[in-house]
Amino acid sequence: MLERILDVLARGEIVIGDGAIGTTLQARGLTPGAMPEGWNLERPEEIRVMHQAYLDAGARFVTTNTFGGNRYRLAQAGLTERLAELNTAGVQLARETVEERAWVAASVGPTGQLLEPLGDLSVAQAEEAYAEQVVLLAEAGADLIKIETMNDLEEACCAIRMAKQHTALPISCTFAFDARGRTLMGTRAAEAAQRAVEAGADIVGANCGEGPTAVAVAILAMSAVTSVPLLAQANAGIPQADAHQQAHWDITPEQMGVHAHDFVSAGAQIVSGCCGTGPAHVAAIVAALRGVQLGPRTPARR
């Protein structure tokens, strides 16, 4: 049986996760703009192949294809009635693929709505949507609730609180930052980390945003204000469109391996990939960080 990820992190081990889900599936035929979660039921073998490729590359956790699995995101694609099926299948496909060889991190993304007073979504509505999703993910067999790509600190805290109240799983929460270390809503990385931990997050960090440099800046700021494990999950740079309007990412696997050292130097203990990264990037991170060990640290706050 797998050890709990928090126990492994408390020993000072560096944990390397998988890479992108959405852009990886687009490379395998998913139509741009389509909800990736639909493939959990329509093309499950593609999801298994993706998870296996990351496992083979050396990932110690794989991320479920459930990022947009809340009722508000699924409603945009007319998939609300299949919410339970899509989330459950997302976890089951990952679990069936990795068995007990890696952890299954259940992806939870933003609702895509603005909270009051900027928008129409109330805190109660956001909490209800997140509670609905995290319960399904936990019951399906996830090892970790992985809240990611958050811009609104209050919404992130809604998701964290619901995961804390309705599951017994470790909780990770990462935010998307620009090069100055601020979210789209203007929140600084240090404040995001502190508030997320206060809400109940066991792991905090940065993902997506403006690429590896922005992630490193955010991780450094977070490391100064919290002792919980930090997760660095960078894009493969910024996509550039070619003459055929196909996106190409400008950070190679070898370059991502170099950035991985920057993340660890800044304070990250968990390193994985976001948009534009694939198994080759993960393999490069594994090779770059092989043998690197951090000292034991205080266990994450529960």
C-alpha atoms as a PDB file:
ATOM      1  CA  MET A   1       0.000   0.000   0.000  1.00  0.00           C
ATOM      2  CA  LEU A   2       1.224   3.505  -0.831  1.00  0.00           C
ATOM      3  CA  GLU A   3       2.492   5.733   1.943  1.00  0.00           C
ATOM      4  CA  ARG A   4       0.637   8.988   2.404  1.00  0.00           C
ATOM      5  CA  ILE A   5       2.212  11.715   0.298  1.00  0.00           C
ATOM      6  CA  LEU A   6       2.460  13.964   3.368  1.00  0.00           C
ATOM      7  CA  ASP A   7       4.552  11.349   5.175  1.00  0.00           C
ATOM      8  CA  VAL A   8       6.939  11.120   2.218  1.00  0.00           C
ATOM      9  CA  LEU A   9       7.232  14.904   2.048  1.00  0.00           C
ATOM     10  CA  ALA A  10       7.891  15.121   5.803  1.00  0.00           C
ATOM     11  CA  ARG A  11      11.028  13.005   5.260  1.00  0.00           C
ATOM     12  CA  GLY A  12      12.379  15.629   2.896  1.00  0.00           C
ATOM     13  CA  GLU A  13      11.936  13.663  -0.329  1.00  0.00           C
ATOM     14  CA  ILE A  14      11.347  15.547  -3.564  1.00  0.00           C
ATOM     15  CA  VAL A  15       8.206  14.357  -5.333  1.00  0.00           C
ATOM     16  CA  ILE A  16       7.841  14.676  -9.096  1.00  0.00           C
ATOM     17  CA  GLY A  17       4.400  14.602 -10.667  1.00  0.00           C
ATOM     18  CA  ASP A  18       2.986  14.409 -14.160  1.00  0.00           C
ATOM     19  CA  GLY A  19       2.511  17.037 -16.864  1.00  0.00           C
ATOM     20  CA  ALA A  20      -0.301  18.653 -18.804  1.00  0.00           C
ATOM     21  CA  ILE A  21      -3.697  17.052 -19.283  1.00  0.00           C
ATOM     22  CA  GLY A  22      -5.580  19.385 -21.649  1.00  0.00           C
ATOM     23  CA  THR A  23      -2.801  20.141 -24.122  1.00  0.00           C
ATOM     24  CA  THR A  24      -1.705  16.503 -24.085  1.00  0.00           C
ATOM     25  CA  LEU A  25      -5.201  15.359 -25.030  1.00  0.00           C
ATOM     26  CA  GLN A  26      -5.415  18.068 -27.707  1.00  0.00           C
ATOM     27  CA  ALA A  27      -2.265  16.594 -29.221  1.00  0.00           C
ATOM     28  CA  ARG A  28      -4.103  13.262 -29.271  1.00  0.00           C
ATOM     29  CA  GLY A  29      -7.122  14.668 -31.100  1.00  0.00           C
ATOM     30  CA  LEU A  30      -9.230  16.577 -28.588  1.00  0.00           C
ATOM     31  CA  THR A  31     -10.844  19.527 -30.340  1.00  0.00           C
ATOM     32  CA  PRO A  32      -9.589  22.872 -28.958  1.00  0.00           C
ATOM     33  CA  GLY A  33     -12.322  24.355 -26.780  1.00  0.00           C
ATOM     34  CA  ALA A  34     -13.933  20.978 -26.072  1.00  0.00           C
ATOM     35  CA  MET A  35     -14.194  19.790 -22.464  1.00  0.00           C
ATOM     36  CA  PRO A  36     -11.421  17.224 -21.862  1.00  0.00           C
ATOM     37  CA  GLU A  37     -13.547  15.562 -19.161  1.00  0.00           C
ATOM     38  CA  GLY A  38     -15.857  14.186 -21.848  1.00  0.00           C
ATOM     39  CA  TRP A  39     -13.122  11.786 -22.901  1.00  0.00           C
ATOM     40  CA  ASN A  40     -13.347  10.014 -19.518  1.00  0.00           C
ATOM     41  CA  LEU A  41     -16.464   8.354 -20.934  1.00  0.00           C
ATOM     42  CA  GLU A  42     -16.031   8.744 -24.699  1.00  0.00           C
ATOM     43  CA  ARG A  43     -12.371   7.739 -25.109  1.00  0.00           C
ATOM     44  CA  PRO A  44     -11.183   6.239 -21.825  1.00  0.00           C
ATOM     45  CA  GLU A  45      -8.297   4.376 -23.445  1.00  0.00           C
ATOM     46  CA  GLU A  46      -6.719   7.695 -24.428  1.00  0.00           C
ATOM     47  CA  ILE A  47      -6.802   8.735 -20.780  1.00  0.00           C
ATOM     48  CA  ARG A  48      -5.188   5.472 -19.695  1.00  0.00           C
ATOM     49  CA  VAL A  49      -2.448   5.856 -22.320  1.00  0.00           C
ATOM     50  CA  MET A  50      -1.718   9.381 -21.092  1.00  0.00           C
ATOM     51  CA  HIS A  51      -1.486   8.324 -17.444  1.00  0.00           C
ATOM     52  CA  GLN A  52       0.725   5.353 -18.353  1.00  0.00           C
ATOM     53  CA  ALA A  53       3.090   7.595 -20.316  1.00  0.00           C
ATOM     54  CA  TYR A  54       3.544   9.858 -17.304  1.00  0.00           C
ATOM     55  CA  LEU A  55       4.024   6.875 -15.002  1.00  0.00           C
ATOM     56  CA  ASP A  56       6.673   5.494 -17.365  1.00  0.00           C
ATOM     57  CA  ALA A  57       8.406   8.893 -17.354  1.00  0.00           C
ATOM     58  CA  GLY A  58       8.830   8.667 -13.593  1.00  0.00           C
ATOM     59  CA  ALA A  59       5.867  10.572 -12.186  1.00  0.00           C
ATOM     60  CA  ARG A  60       5.013   9.685  -8.587  1.00  0.00           C
ATOM     61  CA  PHE A  61       1.503  11.049  -8.953  1.00  0.00           C
ATOM     62  CA  VAL A  62      -0.861  11.374 -11.895  1.00  0.00           C
ATOM     63  CA  THR A  63      -3.543  14.038 -12.130  1.00  0.00           C
ATOM     64  CA  THR A  64      -7.118  13.122 -12.949  1.00  0.00           C
ATOM     65  CA  ASN A  65      -8.887  14.523 -15.998  1.00  0.00           C
ATOM     66  CA  THR A  66     -11.408  16.386 -13.823  1.00  0.00           C
ATOM     67  CA  PHE A  67     -10.140  19.986 -13.816  1.00  0.00           C
ATOM     68  CA  GLY A  68     -13.437  21.317 -15.192  1.00  0.00           C
ATOM     69  CA  GLY A  69     -15.600  18.777 -13.379  1.00  0.00           C
ATOM     70  CA  ASN A  70     -17.683  21.243 -11.384  1.00  0.00           C
ATOM     71  CA  ARG A  71     -21.322  21.969 -12.239  1.00  0.00           C
ATOM     72  CA  TYR A  72     -20.636  25.439 -13.661  1.00  0.00           C
ATOM     73  CA  ARG A  73     -17.905  24.429 -16.086  1.00  0.00           C
ATOM     74  CA  LEU A  74     -19.758  21.299 -17.197  1.00  0.00           C
ATOM     75  CA  ALA A  75     -22.943  23.302 -17.794  1.00  0.00           C
ATOM     76  CA  GLN A  76     -21.142  25.259 -20.500  1.00  0.00           C
ATOM     77  CA  ALA A  77     -20.727  22.019 -22.450  1.00  0.00           C
ATOM     78  CA  GLY A  78     -24.161  20.606 -21.628  1.00  0.00           C
ATOM     79  CA  LEU A  79     -22.622  17.905 -19.428  1.00  0.00           C
ATOM     80  CA  THR A  80     -24.116  18.760 -16.044  1.00  0.00           C
ATOM     81  CA  GLU A  81     -26.217  15.594 -15.908  1.00  0.00           C
ATOM     82  CA  ARG A  82     -23.050  13.505 -16.292  1.00  0.00           C
ATOM     83  CA  LEU A  83     -21.139  15.263 -13.516  1.00  0.00           C
ATOM     84  CA  ALA A  84     -21.003  12.246 -11.220  1.00  0.00           C
ATOM     85  CA  GLU A  85     -20.030   9.851 -14.027  1.00  0.00           C
ATOM     86  CA  LEU A  86     -17.283  12.107 -15.369  1.00  0.00           C
ATOM     87  CA  ASN A  87     -15.634  12.755 -12.012  1.00  0.00           C
ATOM     88  CA  THR A  88     -15.866   9.152 -10.872  1.00  0.00           C
ATOM     89  CA  ALA A  89     -14.511   7.852 -14.166  1.00  0.00           C
ATOM     90  CA  GLY A  90     -11.656  10.368 -14.048  1.00  0.00           C
ATOM     91  CA  VAL A  91     -10.399   8.955 -10.757  1.00  0.00           C
ATOM     92  CA  GLN A  92     -11.058   5.337 -11.677  1.00  0.00           C
ATOM     93  CA  LEU A  93      -9.116   5.580 -14.952  1.00  0.00           C
ATOM     94  CA  ALA A  94      -6.110   6.988 -13.132  1.00  0.00           C
ATOM     95  CA  ARG A  95      -6.346   4.416 -10.331  1.00  0.00           C
ATOM     96  CA  GLU A  96      -6.712   1.498 -12.752  1.00  0.00           C
ATOM     97  CA  THR A  97      -3.653   2.654 -14.682  1.00  0.00           C
ATOM     98  CA  VAL A  98      -1.231   3.333 -11.852  1.00  0.00           C
ATOM     99  CA  GLU A  99      -2.688   0.873  -9.328  1.00  0.00           C
ATOM    100  CA  GLU A 100      -0.523   1.326  -6.201  1.00  0.00           C
ATOM    101  CA  ARG A 101       2.574   2.509  -8.081  1.00  0.00           C
ATOM    102  CA  ALA A 102       1.704   6.221  -7.835  1.00  0.00           C
ATOM    103  CA  TRP A 103      -0.686   8.565  -6.090  1.00  0.00           C
ATOM    104  CA  VAL A 104      -3.847   9.776  -7.785  1.00  0.00           C
ATOM    105  CA  ALA A 105      -4.223  13.547  -7.489  1.00  0.00           C
ATOM    106  CA  ALA A 106      -7.810  14.627  -8.122  1.00  0.00           C
ATOM    107  CA  SER A 107      -7.822  17.863 -10.120  1.00  0.00           C
ATOM    108  CA  VAL A 108     -10.256  20.609  -9.062  1.00  0.00           C
ATOM    109  CA  GLY A 109     -10.301  23.830 -11.080  1.00  0.00           C
ATOM    110  CA  PRO A 110     -12.114  27.173 -10.908  1.00  0.00           C
ATOM    111  CA  THR A 111     -15.837  27.465 -11.566  1.00  0.00           C
ATOM    112  CA  GLY A 112     -15.220  30.030 -14.286  1.00  0.00           C
ATOM    113  CA  GLN A 113     -17.639  32.386 -12.504  1.00  0.00           C
ATOM    114  CA  LEU A 114     -16.920  35.566 -10.548  1.00  0.00           C
ATOM    115  CA  LEU A 115     -17.825  35.650  -6.884  1.00  0.00           C
ATOM    116  CA  GLU A 116     -20.017  38.414  -5.500  1.00  0.00           C
ATOM    117  CA  PRO A 117     -19.748  41.395  -5.568  1.00  0.00           C
ATOM    118  CA  LEU A 118     -17.793  41.236  -8.852  1.00  0.00           C
ATOM    119  CA  GLY A 119     -20.107  38.558 -10.236  1.00  0.00           C
ATOM    120  CA  ASP A 120     -23.279  36.638  -9.494  1.00  0.00           C
ATOM    121  CA  LEU A 121     -21.811  33.573  -7.749  1.00  0.00           C
ATOM    122  CA  SER A 122     -22.273  33.547  -3.988  1.00  0.00           C
ATOM    123  CA  VAL A 123     -19.840  31.926  -1.570  1.00  0.00           C
ATOM    124  CA  ALA A 124     -22.566  29.431  -0.632  1.00  0.00           C
ATOM    125  CA  GLN A 125     -23.072  28.453  -4.285  1.00  0.00           C
ATOM    126  CA  ALA A 126     -19.340  28.030  -4.829  1.00  0.00           C
ATOM    127  CA  GLU A 127     -19.008  25.907  -1.713  1.00  0.00           C
ATOM    128  CA  GLU A 128     -21.937  23.723  -2.765  1.00  0.00           C
ATOM    129  CA  ALA A 129     -20.361  23.106  -6.173  1.00  0.00           C
ATOM    130  CA  TYR A 130     -16.953  22.257  -4.717  1.00  0.00           C
ATOM    131  CA  ALA A 131     -18.426  20.027  -2.017  1.00  0.00           C
ATOM    132  CA  GLU A 132     -20.314  18.114  -4.683  1.00  0.00           C
ATOM    133  CA  GLN A 133     -17.159  17.509  -6.714  1.00  0.00           C
ATOM    134  CA  VAL A 134     -14.662  16.707  -3.959  1.00  0.00           C
ATOM    135  CA  VAL A 135     -16.980  14.146  -2.359  1.00  0.00           C
ATOM    136  CA  LEU A 136     -17.223  12.299  -5.671  1.00  0.00           C
ATOM    137  CA  LEU A 137     -13.456  12.405  -6.190  1.00  0.00           C
ATOM    138  CA  ALA A 138     -12.722  11.129  -2.685  1.00  0.00           C
ATOM    139  CA  GLU A 139     -15.311   8.354  -2.881  1.00  0.00           C
ATOM    140  CA  ALA A 140     -13.858   7.212  -6.221  1.00  0.00           C
ATOM    141  CA  GLY A 141     -10.469   6.574  -4.618  1.00  0.00           C
ATOM    142  CA  ALA A 142      -8.291   9.687  -4.973  1.00  0.00           C
ATOM    143  CA  ASP A 143      -5.225  10.086  -2.739  1.00  0.00           C
ATOM    144  CA  LEU A 144      -5.031  13.878  -2.872  1.00  0.00           C
ATOM    145  CA  ILE A 145      -7.371  16.781  -3.696  1.00  0.00           C
ATOM    146  CA  LYS A 146      -5.386  18.987  -6.106  1.00  0.00           C
ATOM    147  CA  ILE A 147      -7.007  22.424  -6.391  1.00  0.00           C
ATOM    148  CA  GLU A 148      -5.219  24.285  -9.184  1.00  0.00           C
ATOM    149  CA  THR A 149      -4.965  27.319 -11.460  1.00  0.00           C
ATOM    150  CA  MET A 150      -6.795  29.551  -9.029  1.00  0.00           C
ATOM    151  CA  ASN A 151      -6.903  33.326  -9.494  1.00  0.00           C
ATOM    152  CA  ASP A 152      -9.522  34.321  -6.941  1.00  0.00           C
ATOM    153  CA  LEU A 153      -8.255  33.782  -3.400  1.00  0.00           C
ATOM    154  CA  GLU A 154     -11.760  33.673  -1.930  1.00  0.00           C
ATOM    155  CA  GLU A 155     -12.859  31.020  -4.420  1.00  0.00           C
ATOM    156  CA  ALA A 156      -9.744  28.987  -3.687  1.00  0.00           C
ATOM    157  CA  CYS A 157     -10.554  29.112   0.007  1.00  0.00           C
ATOM    158  CA  CYS A 158     -14.092  27.899  -0.741  1.00  0.00           C
ATOM    159  CA  ALA A 159     -12.648  24.837  -2.474  1.00  0.00           C
ATOM    160  CA  ILE A 160     -10.120  24.202   0.295  1.00  0.00           C
ATOM    161  CA  ARG A 161     -12.746  24.459   3.050  1.00  0.00           C
ATOM    162  CA  MET A 162     -15.053  22.019   1.265  1.00  0.00           C
ATOM    163  CA  ALA A 163     -12.239  19.510   0.734  1.00  0.00           C
ATOM    164  CA  LYS A 164     -11.292  19.856   4.400  1.00  0.00           C
ATOM    165  CA  GLN A 165     -14.857  19.450   5.641  1.00  0.00           C
ATOM    166  CA  HIS A 166     -16.012  16.672   3.341  1.00  0.00           C
ATOM    167  CA  THR A 167     -12.931  14.486   2.814  1.00  0.00           C
ATOM    168  CA  ALA A 168     -10.043  13.130   4.868  1.00  0.00           C
ATOM    169  CA  LEU A 169      -7.557  13.601   2.031  1.00  0.00           C
ATOM    170  CA  PRO A 170      -4.490  15.847   1.885  1.00  0.00           C
ATOM    171  CA  ILE A 171      -5.238  19.116   0.078  1.00  0.00           C
ATOM    172  CA  SER A 172      -3.036  20.946  -2.398  1.00  0.00           C
ATOM    173  CA  CYS A 173      -3.859  24.403  -3.741  1.00  0.00           C
ATOM    174  CA  THR A 174      -1.910  26.232  -6.441  1.00  0.00           C
ATOM    175  CA  PHE A 175      -2.462  29.667  -7.942  1.00  0.00           C
ATOM    176  CA  ALA A 176      -1.587  31.140 -11.345  1.00  0.00           C
ATOM    177  CA  PHE A 177       0.815  34.104 -11.176  1.00  0.00           C
ATOM    178  CA  ASP A 178       2.268  36.687 -13.507  1.00  0.00           C
ATOM    179  CA  ALA A 179       5.958  37.582 -13.592  1.00  0.00           C
ATOM    180  CA  ARG A 180       5.501  39.975 -10.651  1.00  0.00           C
ATOM    181  CA  GLY A 181       4.160  37.208  -8.433  1.00  0.00           C
ATOM    182  CA  ARG A 182       0.526  38.332  -8.533  1.00  0.00           C
ATOM    183  CA  THR A 183      -2.646  36.521  -9.567  1.00  0.00           C
ATOM    184  CA  LEU A 184      -5.050  37.922 -12.143  1.00  0.00           C
ATOM    185  CA  MET A 185      -7.006  39.389  -9.218  1.00  0.00           C
ATOM    186  CA  GLY A 186      -3.877  41.096  -7.890  1.00  0.00           C
ATOM    187  CA  THR A 187      -3.159  38.801  -4.917  1.00  0.00           C
ATOM    188  CA  ARG A 188       0.492  38.431  -3.965  1.00  0.00           C
ATOM    189  CA  ALA A 189       1.987  34.949  -3.703  1.00  0.00           C
ATOM    190  CA  ALA A 190       2.800  35.257  -0.004  1.00  0.00           C
ATOM    191  CA  GLU A 191      -0.760  36.254   0.874  1.00  0.00           C
ATOM    192  CA  ALA A 192      -2.194  33.459  -1.265  1.00  0.00           C
ATOM    193  CA  ALA A 193      -0.033  30.905   0.523  1.00  0.00           C
ATOM    194  CA  GLN A 194      -0.872  32.156   3.998  1.00  0.00           C
ATOM    195  CA  ARG A 195      -4.612  32.303   3.388  1.00  0.00           C
ATOM    196  CA  ALA A 196      -4.681  28.893   1.722  1.00  0.00           C
ATOM    197  CA  VAL A 197      -2.889  27.283   4.668  1.00  0.00           C
ATOM    198  CA  GLU A 198      -5.216  29.026   7.119  1.00  0.00           C
ATOM    199  CA  ALA A 199      -8.170  27.581   5.175  1.00  0.00           C
ATOM    200  CA  GLY A 200      -6.730  24.068   5.502  1.00  0.00           C
ATOM    201  CA  ALA A 201      -4.343  23.444   2.594  1.00  0.00           C
ATOM    202  CA  ASP A 202      -1.520  20.988   3.304  1.00  0.00           C
ATOM    203  CA  ILE A 203       0.449  21.924   0.177  1.00  0.00           C
ATOM    204  CA  VAL A 204       0.482  25.265  -1.652  1.00  0.00           C
ATOM    205  CA  GLY A 205       2.218  26.535  -4.746  1.00  0.00           C
ATOM    206  CA  ALA A 206       2.077  27.949  -8.247  1.00  0.00           C
ATOM    207  CA  ASN A 207       0.986  26.530 -11.578  1.00  0.00           C
ATOM    208  CA  CYS A 208       0.226  27.736 -15.104  1.00  0.00           C
ATOM    209  CA  GLY A 209       0.516  31.559 -15.328  1.00  0.00           C
ATOM    210  CA  GLU A 210       3.426  33.147 -17.170  1.00  0.00           C
ATOM    211  CA  GLY A 211       5.759  30.189 -17.249  1.00  0.00           C
ATOM    212  CA  PRO A 212       8.729  28.893 -15.229  1.00  0.00           C
ATOM    213  CA  THR A 213      10.150  32.264 -14.189  1.00  0.00           C
ATOM    214  CA  ALA A 214       6.805  33.387 -12.747  1.00  0.00           C
ATOM    215  CA  VAL A 215       6.461  30.083 -10.888  1.00  0.00           C
ATOM    216  CA  ALA A 216       9.943  30.429  -9.370  1.00  0.00           C
ATOM    217  CA  VAL A 217       9.196  33.998  -8.241  1.00  0.00           C
ATOM    218  CA  ALA A 218       5.977  32.881  -6.555  1.00  0.00           C
ATOM    219  CA  ILE A 219       7.568  29.857  -4.875  1.00  0.00           C
ATOM    220  CA  LEU A 220      10.356  32.003  -3.434  1.00  0.00           C
ATOM    221  CA  ALA A 221       7.803  34.419  -1.955  1.00  0.00           C
ATOM    222  CA  MET A 222       5.755  31.567  -0.502  1.00  0.00           C
ATOM    223  CA  SER A 223       8.778  29.877   1.048  1.00  0.00           C
ATOM    224  CA  ALA A 224       9.363  32.958   3.207  1.00  0.00           C
ATOM    225  CA  VAL A 225       5.964  32.778   4.903  1.00  0.00           C
ATOM    226  CA  THR A 226       5.007  29.092   5.225  1.00  0.00           C
ATOM    227  CA  SER A 227       6.630  25.768   6.119  1.00  0.00           C
ATOM    228  CA  VAL A 228       4.174  23.504   4.281  1.00  0.00           C
ATOM    229  CA  PRO A 229       5.476  21.709   1.157  1.00  0.00           C
ATOM    230  CA  LEU A 230       5.452  23.879  -1.966  1.00  0.00           C
ATOM    231  CA  LEU A 231       4.400  22.694  -5.429  1.00  0.00           C
ATOM    232  CA  ALA A 232       5.931  24.192  -8.594  1.00  0.00           C
ATOM    233  CA  GLN A 233       3.987  23.275 -11.727  1.00  0.00           C
ATOM    234  CA  ALA A 234       5.082  25.380 -14.690  1.00  0.00           C
ATOM    235  CA  ASN A 235       3.906  25.720 -18.267  1.00  0.00           C
ATOM    236  CA  ALA A 236       6.366  24.920 -21.039  1.00  0.00           C
ATOM    237  CA  GLY A 237       6.676  28.655 -21.639  1.00  0.00           C
ATOM    238  CA  ILE A 238       4.237  30.669 -23.723  1.00  0.00           C
ATOM    239  CA  PRO A 239       2.623  29.040 -26.794  1.00  0.00           C
ATOM    240  CA  GLN A 240       3.396  30.440 -30.228  1.00  0.00           C
ATOM    241  CA  ALA A 241       1.145  29.772 -33.226  1.00  0.00           C
ATOM    242  CA  ASP A 242       2.713  28.573 -36.470  1.00  0.00           C
ATOM    243  CA  ALA A 243       1.492  29.242 -40.009  1.00  0.00           C
ATOM    244  CA  HIS A 244      -1.157  26.545 -39.550  1.00  0.00           C
ATOM    245  CA  GLN A 245      -2.341  28.033 -36.230  1.00  0.00           C
ATOM    246  CA  GLN A 246      -0.902  25.107 -34.305  1.00  0.00           C
ATOM    247  CA  ALA A 247       0.472  25.967 -30.858  1.00  0.00           C
ATOM    248  CA  HIS A 248       4.136  25.334 -30.135  1.00  0.00           C
ATOM    249  CA  TRP A 249       5.627  25.710 -26.673  1.00  0.00           C
ATOM    250  CA  ASP A 250       9.060  27.269 -26.275  1.00  0.00           C
ATOM    251  CA  ILE A 251      10.475  25.428 -23.233  1.00  0.00           C
ATOM    252  CA  THR A 252      12.147  22.142 -24.173  1.00  0.00           C
ATOM    253  CA  PRO A 253      12.329  19.164 -21.814  1.00  0.00           C
ATOM    254  CA  GLU A 254      16.022  19.871 -21.233  1.00  0.00           C
ATOM    255  CA  GLN A 255      15.276  23.489 -20.336  1.00  0.00           C
ATOM    256  CA  MET A 256      12.515  22.376 -17.962  1.00  0.00           C
ATOM    257  CA  GLY A 257      15.072  20.196 -16.197  1.00  0.00           C
ATOM    258  CA  VAL A 258      17.186  23.298 -15.591  1.00  0.00           C
ATOM    259  CA  HIS A 259      14.138  25.202 -14.319  1.00  0.00           C
ATOM    260  CA  ALA A 260      13.395  22.315 -11.947  1.00  0.00           C
ATOM    261  CA  HIS A 261      16.609  23.127 -10.075  1.00  0.00           C
ATOM    262  CA  ASP A 262      15.479  26.756  -9.836  1.00  0.00           C
ATOM    263  CA  PHE A 263      12.155  25.647  -8.336  1.00  0.00           C
ATOM    264  CA  VAL A 264      13.852  23.506  -5.699  1.00  0.00           C
ATOM    265  CA  SER A 265      16.339  26.273  -4.907  1.00  0.00           C
ATOM    266  CA  ALA A 266      13.386  28.622  -4.393  1.00  0.00           C
ATOM    267  CA  GLY A 267      11.795  26.206  -1.935  1.00  0.00           C
ATOM    268  CA  ALA A 268       9.695  23.750  -3.950  1.00  0.00           C
ATOM    269  CA  GLN A 269       9.527  20.147  -2.807  1.00  0.00           C
ATOM    270  CA  ILE A 270       7.044  18.972  -5.445  1.00  0.00           C
ATOM    271  CA  VAL A 271       7.696  19.609  -9.138  1.00  0.00           C
ATOM    272  CA  SER A 272       5.399  18.805 -12.038  1.00  0.00           C
ATOM    273  CA  GLY A 273       4.338  20.246 -15.386  1.00  0.00           C
ATOM    274  CA  CYS A 274       1.424  22.304 -16.644  1.00  0.00           C
ATOM    275  CA  CYS A 275       0.264  23.389 -20.121  1.00  0.00           C
ATOM    276  CA  GLY A 276       2.532  22.318 -22.965  1.00  0.00           C
ATOM    277  CA  THR A 277       4.510  19.795 -20.929  1.00  0.00           C
ATOM    278  CA  GLY A 278       4.452  16.095 -21.654  1.00  0.00           C
ATOM    279  CA  PRO A 279       6.159  12.852 -20.625  1.00  0.00           C
ATOM    280  CA  ALA A 280       9.491  14.041 -22.050  1.00  0.00           C
ATOM    281  CA  HIS A 281       9.403  17.081 -19.753  1.00  0.00           C
ATOM    282  CA  VAL A 282       8.616  14.889 -16.761  1.00  0.00           C
ATOM    283  CA  ALA A 283      11.453  12.499 -17.639  1.00  0.00           C
ATOM    284  CA  ALA A 284      13.827  15.481 -17.875  1.00  0.00           C
ATOM    285  CA  ILE A 285      12.727  16.745 -14.448  1.00  0.00           C
ATOM    286  CA  VAL A 286      13.221  13.276 -12.973  1.00  0.00           C
ATOM    287  CA  ALA A 287      16.740  13.091 -14.450  1.00  0.00           C
ATOM    288  CA  ALA A 288      17.623  16.615 -13.320  1.00  0.00           C
ATOM    289  CA  LEU A 289      16.527  16.087  -9.720  1.00  0.00           C
ATOM    290  CA  ARG A 290      17.754  12.523  -9.286  1.00  0.00           C
ATOM    291  CA  GLY A 291      19.631  12.284  -6.009  1.00  0.00           C
ATOM    292  CA  VAL A 292      18.536  15.699  -4.746  1.00  0.00           C
ATOM    293  CA  GLN A 293      17.270  15.434  -1.185  1.00  0.00           C
ATOM    294  CA  LEU A 294      15.878  18.033   1.187  1.00  0.00           C
ATOM    295  CA  GLY A 295      16.192  17.861   4.955  1.00  0.00           C
ATOM    296  CA  PRO A 296      13.288  16.643   7.130  1.00  0.00           C
ATOM    297  CA  ARG A 297      10.716  19.313   7.760  1.00  0.00           C
ATOM    298  CA  THR A 298       7.743  19.978   9.971  1.00  0.00           C
ATOM    299  CA  PRO A 299       4.754  17.973   8.654  1.00  0.00           C
ATOM    300  CA  ALA A 300       2.090  19.901   6.794  1.00  0.00           C
ATOM    301  CA  ARG A 301      -0.535  21.546   8.965  1.00  0.00           C
ATOM    302  CA  ARG A 302      -3.748  19.523   9.425  1.00  0.00           C
END
